[in-house]
Protein backbone atom coordinates (compact mmCIF):
# COMPACT_ATOMS: atom_id res chain seq x y z
CA MET A 1 27.75 -47.88 -82.33
CA LEU A 2 30.40 -50.44 -83.24
CA HIS A 3 32.78 -47.78 -84.41
CA LEU A 4 32.94 -46.53 -80.82
CA LEU A 5 34.47 -49.83 -79.75
CA HIS A 6 36.90 -50.09 -82.66
CA PRO A 7 37.09 -48.32 -86.10
CA SER A 8 37.33 -51.61 -88.01
CA LEU A 9 34.28 -53.26 -86.45
CA PRO A 10 31.66 -51.79 -88.86
CA ARG A 11 33.56 -53.22 -91.84
CA ALA A 12 34.01 -56.59 -90.21
CA ALA A 13 30.33 -56.68 -89.33
CA ALA A 14 29.43 -56.16 -92.98
CA LEU A 15 31.65 -59.05 -94.13
CA ASP A 16 30.79 -61.54 -91.35
CA PRO A 17 27.94 -60.28 -89.16
CA TYR A 18 27.50 -63.48 -87.15
CA ARG A 19 31.14 -63.76 -86.16
CA VAL A 20 31.36 -60.10 -85.18
CA ARG A 21 28.21 -60.40 -83.07
CA HIS A 22 29.70 -63.32 -81.26
CA HIS A 23 32.87 -61.43 -80.44
CA VAL A 24 30.92 -58.39 -79.34
CA LEU A 25 28.80 -60.44 -76.97
CA VAL A 26 31.87 -62.11 -75.54
CA ALA A 27 33.56 -58.72 -75.05
CA ALA A 28 30.45 -57.28 -73.47
CA ALA A 29 30.18 -60.21 -71.09
CA SER A 30 33.80 -59.78 -70.11
CA VAL A 31 33.30 -56.09 -69.47
CA ILE A 32 30.24 -56.75 -67.30
CA THR A 33 32.05 -59.47 -65.35
CA LEU A 34 35.06 -57.25 -64.81
CA THR A 35 32.84 -54.42 -63.66
CA LEU A 36 31.09 -56.65 -61.14
CA LEU A 37 34.37 -58.01 -59.85
CA LEU A 38 35.80 -54.52 -59.45
CA GLY A 39 32.67 -53.28 -57.69
CA ASN A 40 32.70 -56.16 -55.20
CA GLY A 41 36.39 -55.63 -54.58
CA VAL A 42 35.96 -51.92 -53.86
CA SER A 43 33.00 -52.61 -51.55
CA THR A 44 34.98 -55.25 -49.67
CA ALA A 45 37.98 -52.95 -49.32
CA LEU A 46 35.79 -50.14 -48.03
CA ALA A 47 34.11 -52.46 -45.54
CA VAL A 48 37.45 -53.73 -44.26
CA ALA A 49 38.79 -50.17 -43.89
CA ALA A 50 35.69 -49.08 -41.98
CA GLU A 51 35.97 -52.07 -39.66
CA GLN A 52 39.63 -51.34 -38.99
CA ALA A 53 38.86 -47.67 -38.30
CA GLU A 54 36.13 -48.65 -35.85
CA GLU A 55 38.42 -51.07 -34.06
CA SER A 56 41.17 -48.44 -33.78
CA SER A 57 38.73 -45.96 -32.22
CA GLN A 58 37.90 -48.34 -29.36
CA PRO A 59 40.13 -47.97 -26.24
CA ALA A 60 42.66 -50.71 -26.01
CA PRO A 61 42.18 -52.97 -22.99
CA GLN A 62 44.59 -52.23 -20.13
CA LEU A 63 46.11 -54.69 -17.73
CA PHE A 64 46.79 -53.55 -14.18
CA VAL A 65 49.31 -55.43 -12.10
CA THR A 66 49.77 -54.72 -8.39
CA ALA A 67 53.38 -53.89 -7.58
CA PRO A 68 55.04 -56.06 -4.92
CA GLU A 69 55.07 -54.63 -1.41
CA GLY A 70 57.96 -52.20 -0.95
CA ALA A 71 58.52 -51.78 -4.69
CA VAL A 72 56.96 -48.31 -4.70
CA ALA A 73 59.17 -47.17 -1.84
CA GLU A 74 62.23 -48.57 -3.59
CA ALA A 75 61.26 -46.76 -6.77
CA VAL A 76 60.63 -43.44 -5.01
CA ALA A 77 63.73 -43.54 -2.82
CA PRO A 78 66.24 -42.98 -5.66
CA ALA A 79 64.24 -40.01 -6.93
CA ALA A 80 64.10 -38.49 -3.45
CA ALA A 81 67.80 -39.08 -2.99
CA ALA A 82 68.54 -37.46 -6.34
CA SER A 83 66.42 -34.44 -5.39
CA LEU A 84 68.23 -34.07 -2.08
CA SER A 85 71.62 -34.49 -3.79
CA ALA A 86 70.76 -31.69 -6.22
CA ALA A 87 70.02 -29.39 -3.27
CA THR A 88 73.33 -30.10 -1.52
CA ASP A 89 76.67 -28.44 -2.04
CA GLY A 90 78.53 -30.29 -4.79
CA ALA A 91 81.89 -29.81 -3.09
CA THR A 92 81.07 -30.79 0.50
CA GLY A 93 77.87 -32.81 0.08
CA GLU A 94 76.20 -30.72 2.81
CA VAL A 95 72.96 -28.80 2.52
CA PRO A 96 73.69 -25.05 2.61
CA ALA A 97 72.18 -23.28 5.61
CA ASP A 98 70.05 -21.03 3.41
CA GLU A 99 68.92 -23.81 1.05
CA THR A 100 67.26 -26.32 3.40
CA PRO A 101 64.68 -28.37 1.44
CA ALA A 102 61.12 -27.13 2.01
CA ALA A 103 59.89 -30.54 3.18
CA GLU A 104 62.67 -30.73 5.80
CA ALA A 105 61.91 -27.17 6.96
CA ASP A 106 58.23 -28.04 7.38
CA ALA A 107 59.17 -31.12 9.40
CA LEU A 108 61.39 -29.03 11.67
CA ASP A 109 58.59 -26.51 12.21
CA ALA A 110 56.15 -29.28 13.12
CA ALA A 111 58.67 -30.81 15.53
CA ALA A 112 59.18 -27.53 17.40
CA PRO A 113 55.75 -26.34 18.58
CA SER A 114 57.46 -24.52 21.46
CA ALA A 115 58.59 -21.88 18.96
CA ARG A 116 55.01 -20.76 18.51
CA PRO A 117 53.79 -17.92 20.74
CA GLU A 118 51.75 -19.13 23.70
CA PHE A 119 48.25 -17.80 24.28
CA THR A 120 47.09 -17.50 27.88
CA ILE A 121 44.01 -16.06 29.55
CA ASP A 122 44.56 -14.30 32.88
CA VAL A 123 41.31 -14.54 34.84
CA ARG A 124 41.38 -13.29 38.43
CA PRO A 125 38.67 -12.97 41.09
CA PRO A 126 37.57 -9.41 42.03
CA VAL A 127 38.81 -9.80 45.64
CA MET A 128 41.57 -11.96 47.15
CA TYR A 129 42.98 -12.65 50.61
CA PRO A 130 46.43 -10.95 50.80
CA VAL A 131 48.22 -14.11 52.06
CA GLY A 132 45.64 -16.75 51.18
CA SER A 133 42.41 -17.77 52.86
CA GLY A 134 44.09 -20.49 54.90
CA ALA A 135 46.69 -18.36 56.70
CA PRO A 136 46.41 -18.58 60.52
CA VAL A 137 45.14 -15.50 62.35
CA GLY A 138 47.51 -14.29 65.09
CA SER A 139 45.44 -11.38 66.36
CA PRO A 140 41.86 -10.47 65.32
CA PHE A 141 40.26 -7.06 64.86
CA GLY A 142 39.13 -5.17 67.97
CA PRO A 143 40.08 -5.03 71.66
CA ARG A 144 42.98 -7.16 72.82
CA ASP A 145 45.57 -7.50 75.55
CA ARG A 146 48.73 -5.48 75.13
CA ALA A 147 51.38 -7.78 73.60
CA CYS A 148 54.26 -5.34 74.14
CA GLY A 149 54.94 -1.97 75.67
CA ALA A 150 54.30 -0.10 72.41
CA CYS A 151 51.54 -2.40 71.17
CA SER A 152 47.94 -1.17 71.00
CA THR A 153 45.01 -2.60 72.97
CA GLN A 154 42.52 -1.65 70.22
CA HIS A 155 43.62 -3.54 67.16
CA GLN A 156 42.68 -1.72 63.92
CA GLY A 157 43.18 -4.71 61.65
CA VAL A 158 43.86 -8.43 61.55
CA ASP A 159 47.26 -10.11 61.91
CA TRP A 160 48.04 -13.16 59.75
CA ASN A 161 51.00 -15.44 60.48
CA PRO A 162 51.82 -17.34 57.24
CA GLY A 163 55.58 -17.24 57.87
CA ARG A 164 58.44 -14.87 57.08
CA GLY A 165 58.97 -14.17 53.40
CA THR A 166 55.46 -15.24 52.32
CA PRO A 167 54.36 -13.17 49.27
CA ILE A 168 51.72 -10.50 49.97
CA VAL A 169 49.31 -9.65 47.12
CA ALA A 170 46.95 -6.77 46.41
CA MET A 171 43.44 -7.38 47.76
CA ALA A 172 41.80 -5.87 44.63
CA ASP A 173 42.55 -3.65 41.66
CA GLY A 174 43.65 -0.20 42.77
CA VAL A 175 46.17 2.63 42.90
CA VAL A 176 48.99 3.00 45.44
CA SER A 177 48.28 6.09 47.58
CA LYS A 178 50.99 5.84 50.29
CA VAL A 179 54.39 4.15 50.68
CA VAL A 180 56.40 4.13 53.95
CA THR A 181 59.75 2.37 54.29
CA SER A 182 60.97 3.50 57.75
CA GLY A 183 60.14 5.42 60.96
CA SER A 184 56.66 3.96 61.52
CA THR A 185 55.12 1.61 64.09
CA LEU A 186 53.81 -0.34 61.08
CA GLY A 187 57.36 -0.61 59.73
CA VAL A 188 57.51 -0.98 55.95
CA TYR A 189 53.93 -0.59 54.68
CA LEU A 190 51.76 0.79 51.88
CA ILE A 191 48.15 1.82 51.31
CA ILE A 192 46.17 1.02 48.14
CA ASP A 193 42.89 2.75 47.21
CA HIS A 194 40.18 0.59 45.57
CA VAL A 195 36.61 0.75 44.37
CA VAL A 196 34.89 -2.58 45.02
CA ASN A 197 31.23 -3.08 44.08
CA GLY A 198 30.89 0.69 43.82
CA GLN A 199 32.38 1.26 47.27
CA ALA A 200 35.58 3.25 47.85
CA ILE A 201 37.85 1.42 50.27
CA SER A 202 41.55 1.44 51.20
CA SER A 203 43.75 -1.52 52.19
CA VAL A 204 46.83 -1.31 54.45
CA TYR A 205 49.73 -3.81 54.43
CA GLY A 206 52.11 -3.45 57.41
CA HIS A 207 55.33 -4.91 58.88
CA MET A 208 56.62 -6.00 55.44
CA GLU A 209 60.14 -7.25 54.91
CA ASN A 210 62.80 -4.64 54.13
CA GLY A 211 63.49 -4.36 50.40
CA SER A 212 60.34 -6.28 49.40
CA LEU A 213 58.25 -3.16 48.72
CA THR A 214 59.13 -1.78 45.26
CA LEU A 215 55.93 0.11 44.40
CA ARG A 216 55.58 3.90 44.29
CA VAL A 217 52.70 6.28 44.86
CA GLY A 218 50.52 6.37 41.75
CA ASP A 219 51.35 2.83 40.60
CA GLU A 220 48.37 0.82 39.40
CA VAL A 221 48.06 -2.74 40.67
CA ARG A 222 45.79 -5.64 39.79
CA VAL A 223 44.18 -7.99 42.23
CA GLY A 224 46.71 -10.74 42.99
CA ASP A 225 49.79 -8.64 42.10
CA GLN A 226 52.60 -9.10 44.62
CA VAL A 227 53.22 -5.96 46.69
CA GLY A 228 55.80 -7.27 49.19
CA ARG A 229 56.71 -10.07 51.61
CA VAL A 230 55.84 -10.87 55.20
CA GLY A 231 58.42 -9.40 57.61
CA SER A 232 58.85 -8.09 61.14
CA THR A 233 59.58 -4.36 60.68
CA GLY A 234 58.18 -1.67 63.01
CA VAL A 235 56.65 -2.48 66.40
CA THR A 236 56.10 -6.23 66.37
CA THR A 237 56.96 -9.37 68.29
CA ALA A 238 57.16 -11.82 65.34
CA PRO A 239 56.92 -11.86 61.53
CA HIS A 240 53.32 -11.32 60.39
CA LEU A 241 51.15 -9.23 58.09
CA HIS A 242 49.09 -6.48 59.70
CA PHE A 243 46.17 -5.89 57.33
CA GLU A 244 43.62 -3.09 57.61
CA LEU A 245 40.55 -1.98 55.66
CA ARG A 246 39.45 1.66 55.87
CA ILE A 247 36.23 3.23 54.61
CA GLY A 248 36.16 7.02 54.81
CA GLY A 249 39.30 6.91 56.96
CA SER A 250 37.77 4.61 59.59
CA ALA A 251 38.99 1.05 60.13
CA ILE A 252 36.54 -1.85 59.76
CA ASN A 253 36.86 -5.55 60.52
CA PRO A 254 38.53 -7.04 57.41
CA LEU A 255 37.34 -10.65 57.84
CA PRO A 256 33.53 -10.12 57.48
CA TRP A 257 34.04 -7.66 54.63
CA LEU A 258 36.31 -10.05 52.68
CA ALA A 259 33.85 -12.93 53.15
CA ALA A 260 30.86 -10.78 52.10
CA ASN A 261 32.65 -9.71 48.89
CA GLY A 262 33.59 -13.25 47.85
CA ALA A 263 37.32 -13.05 48.54
CA GLN A 264 39.33 -16.06 47.34
């Protein structure tokens, strides 16, 4: 056993066994002490390393400080200016017409809503008064005194006196069936054929102003479309609209029929 520690120890043990034993014990004690010291040191080092690793894995505390009012704007302004400068022409400092920044283009679009197409709904009543419901009546339907030498005593329509040049509109949707511009006692006039509430009926508009009738036979019109203007053509004593309604070729009183069909 001793020769494992040193080759000369067996011989020394034979010469002085007590002294050798003493040295061996001292050496053994030293080895044990050193071993213990080294073991504690390694354990301590490992513990310290583990603690440091654990501390490094924890998120470091952060400190948030509110920026003074206006500081953010001051910080962003240079960046925005730099971005705008990069988009401008280096020689003139102006933004090229075809390279307007997207944000500026969006702002221009938002500021110009009039460029967007308008959407409208055209809602009209089925039947309308040709010159409005409030126009004064100059001569009603039926028998009357002769107003002039060529005037009739059996009036086939109603005369409205809204004033010269007043627009005249179609009574209802229909198709133009007759247009006369001269040589008639009714002067410049037209006839429109309609179907109202399943009933075929024709409307006549007489004494219109010269040049105000621009429709032709076969033209389609909508209720409320302008067909001419109030005039004094033909046999008449003053500007007015002579309006007739005919069913099967026979004239009827326009006023009760218009009221019964909800004219507006």
